[in-house]
Protein backbone atom coordinates (compact mmCIF):
# COMPACT_ATOMS: atom_id res chain seq x y z
CA GLN A 1 0.23 -0.19 -0.20
CA VAL A 2 1.01 3.40 -0.49
CA ARG A 3 2.62 5.19 2.54
CA LEU A 4 1.74 9.15 3.34
CA MET A 5 3.35 11.58 5.32
CA GLU A 6 1.98 15.13 5.61
CA SER A 7 4.35 18.02 6.99
CA GLY A 8 3.52 21.83 6.47
CA GLY A 9 1.55 22.66 9.43
CA GLY A 10 1.82 25.67 11.83
CA SER A 11 0.15 28.65 13.34
CA VAL A 12 -0.68 31.49 11.72
CA GLN A 13 -3.00 34.52 11.83
CA PRO A 14 -6.55 35.04 10.42
CA GLY A 15 -5.77 35.77 6.69
CA GLY A 16 -2.57 34.07 6.77
CA SER A 17 -1.58 31.32 4.33
CA LEU A 18 0.12 27.97 4.55
CA ARG A 19 1.09 25.13 2.43
CA LEU A 20 0.64 21.49 3.44
CA SER A 21 2.53 18.79 1.47
CA CYS A 22 1.55 14.98 1.52
CA GLN A 23 4.83 12.91 0.32
CA ALA A 24 3.60 9.48 -0.83
CA SER A 25 6.46 6.28 -1.41
CA GLU A 26 6.08 2.58 -2.29
CA TYR A 27 3.68 3.30 -5.12
CA ASN A 28 2.89 6.10 -7.37
CA ILE A 29 0.18 8.44 -6.26
CA ASP A 30 -1.06 9.51 -9.53
CA VAL A 31 -3.01 6.37 -9.83
CA TYR A 32 -4.82 6.79 -6.53
CA CYS A 33 -7.96 8.56 -5.50
CA VAL A 34 -6.70 10.98 -3.45
CA GLY A 35 -7.92 14.01 -0.92
CA TRP A 36 -7.43 15.98 2.04
CA PHE A 37 -9.32 15.82 5.26
CA ARG A 38 -9.59 17.87 8.28
CA GLN A 39 -10.59 17.22 12.11
CA ALA A 40 -10.94 19.96 14.64
CA PRO A 41 -11.60 19.03 18.20
CA GLY A 42 -14.74 17.49 19.09
CA LYS A 43 -15.79 16.94 15.62
CA GLU A 44 -15.82 14.41 12.82
CA ARG A 45 -13.15 14.16 10.02
CA GLU A 46 -14.18 15.91 7.07
CA GLY A 47 -13.24 16.00 3.27
CA ILE A 48 -12.27 19.14 1.95
CA VAL A 49 -10.94 18.38 -1.42
CA GLY A 50 -10.57 15.11 -3.37
CA MET A 51 -8.67 14.49 -6.63
CA THR A 52 -9.32 11.57 -9.04
CA PRO A 53 -6.15 10.34 -10.91
CA SER A 54 -6.66 12.52 -14.04
CA GLY A 55 -6.44 15.23 -11.75
CA ARG A 56 -10.09 16.45 -11.47
CA THR A 57 -10.52 18.26 -8.07
CA THR A 58 -13.86 18.50 -5.93
CA TYR A 59 -13.76 21.17 -2.75
CA ALA A 60 -16.03 21.65 0.04
CA ASP A 61 -17.79 24.70 -0.05
CA SER A 62 -16.14 25.76 3.15
CA VAL A 63 -12.56 25.83 1.21
CA ARG A 64 -13.53 26.29 -2.54
CA GLY A 65 -11.95 29.73 -3.57
CA ARG A 66 -9.24 29.81 -0.67
CA PHE A 67 -7.55 26.12 -1.17
CA THR A 68 -6.19 24.80 -3.88
CA MET A 69 -5.05 21.29 -4.18
CA SER A 70 -2.54 19.85 -6.73
CA ARG A 71 -0.33 16.76 -7.38
CA HIS A 72 3.47 16.73 -8.39
CA ASP A 73 3.82 13.63 -9.81
CA THR A 74 7.81 13.96 -10.18
CA ASN A 75 7.92 14.20 -6.44
CA ASN A 76 5.10 11.73 -5.85
CA THR A 77 3.79 14.58 -3.74
CA LEU A 78 0.25 16.16 -3.07
CA LEU A 79 0.06 19.96 -2.00
CA LEU A 80 -2.73 21.75 -0.28
CA GLU A 81 -2.20 25.60 -0.84
CA MET A 82 -4.56 27.48 1.95
CA ASN A 83 -4.90 30.89 2.02
CA SER A 84 -7.41 33.40 3.79
CA LEU A 85 -6.95 31.20 6.76
CA GLN A 86 -9.64 31.79 9.54
CA PRO A 87 -9.89 30.19 13.06
CA GLU A 88 -12.54 27.77 11.73
CA ASP A 89 -9.68 26.19 9.90
CA THR A 90 -7.76 25.20 12.83
CA ALA A 91 -7.83 21.61 12.59
CA MET A 92 -5.43 18.55 12.16
CA TYR A 93 -5.02 17.86 8.25
CA TYR A 94 -4.76 14.42 6.79
CA CYS A 95 -4.02 13.30 3.10
CA ALA A 96 -5.51 10.07 2.24
CA ALA A 97 -5.53 7.52 -0.97
CA ASP A 98 -7.39 4.64 -2.02
CA ILE A 99 -7.17 2.47 -5.34
CA ARG A 100 -10.19 0.77 -4.74
CA LEU A 101 -12.46 3.62 -5.54
CA VAL A 102 -10.40 4.15 -8.74
CA VAL A 103 -11.04 0.43 -9.83
CA SER A 104 -14.76 0.90 -8.70
CA GLY A 105 -14.88 4.13 -10.83
CA GLN A 106 -16.50 5.80 -7.50
CA CYS A 107 -13.65 8.65 -7.28
CA SER A 108 -15.35 11.53 -8.43
CA GLY A 109 -16.51 14.09 -5.85
CA LEU A 110 -16.03 14.57 -2.32
CA LYS A 111 -15.62 11.14 -0.40
CA SER A 112 -16.24 9.95 3.02
CA PRO A 113 -13.09 9.23 5.46
CA ASP A 114 -14.79 5.74 5.49
CA ASP A 115 -13.81 5.17 1.35
CA PHE A 116 -10.28 5.67 2.58
CA ARG A 117 -7.80 3.12 3.46
CA ASN A 118 -4.32 4.96 3.42
CA TRP A 119 -3.79 7.84 5.67
CA GLY A 120 -0.82 9.78 6.99
CA ARG A 121 -0.87 10.64 10.70
CA GLY A 122 -1.59 14.26 10.11
CA THR A 123 -0.12 17.93 10.39
CA GLN A 124 -1.86 20.33 12.76
CA VAL A 125 -3.15 23.92 11.35
CA THR A 126 -3.86 26.74 13.86
CA VAL A 127 -5.28 29.92 13.28
CA SER A 128 -5.50 32.46 15.39
CA SER A 129 -4.59 36.05 16.63
């Protein structure tokens, strides 16, 4: 299975920006259905963006227009550019991947965390003044 490791989290003031990275290893990430998720204290993990192997992305309403996901096949890396961060964006951020969604043709759109088998350990993002 693909192995994932996030980095790039930190503390920023409202209105600030961060770029998260998800380094994949063992397998090429470009054949997987992938996504970024976040989990705030006391809340369920939620999907914020998903990407198909063809590069098509779907964003949650809460981040659309502020966050941008990209995939860099040369480096086997996923990136999440986050702009105009707000306190409500404070959470642990995770990247995830699963090939079963590709095989079943069900990768499009935002997926449930239950759909993904492979996860990183997460990186903390804190937005406060």
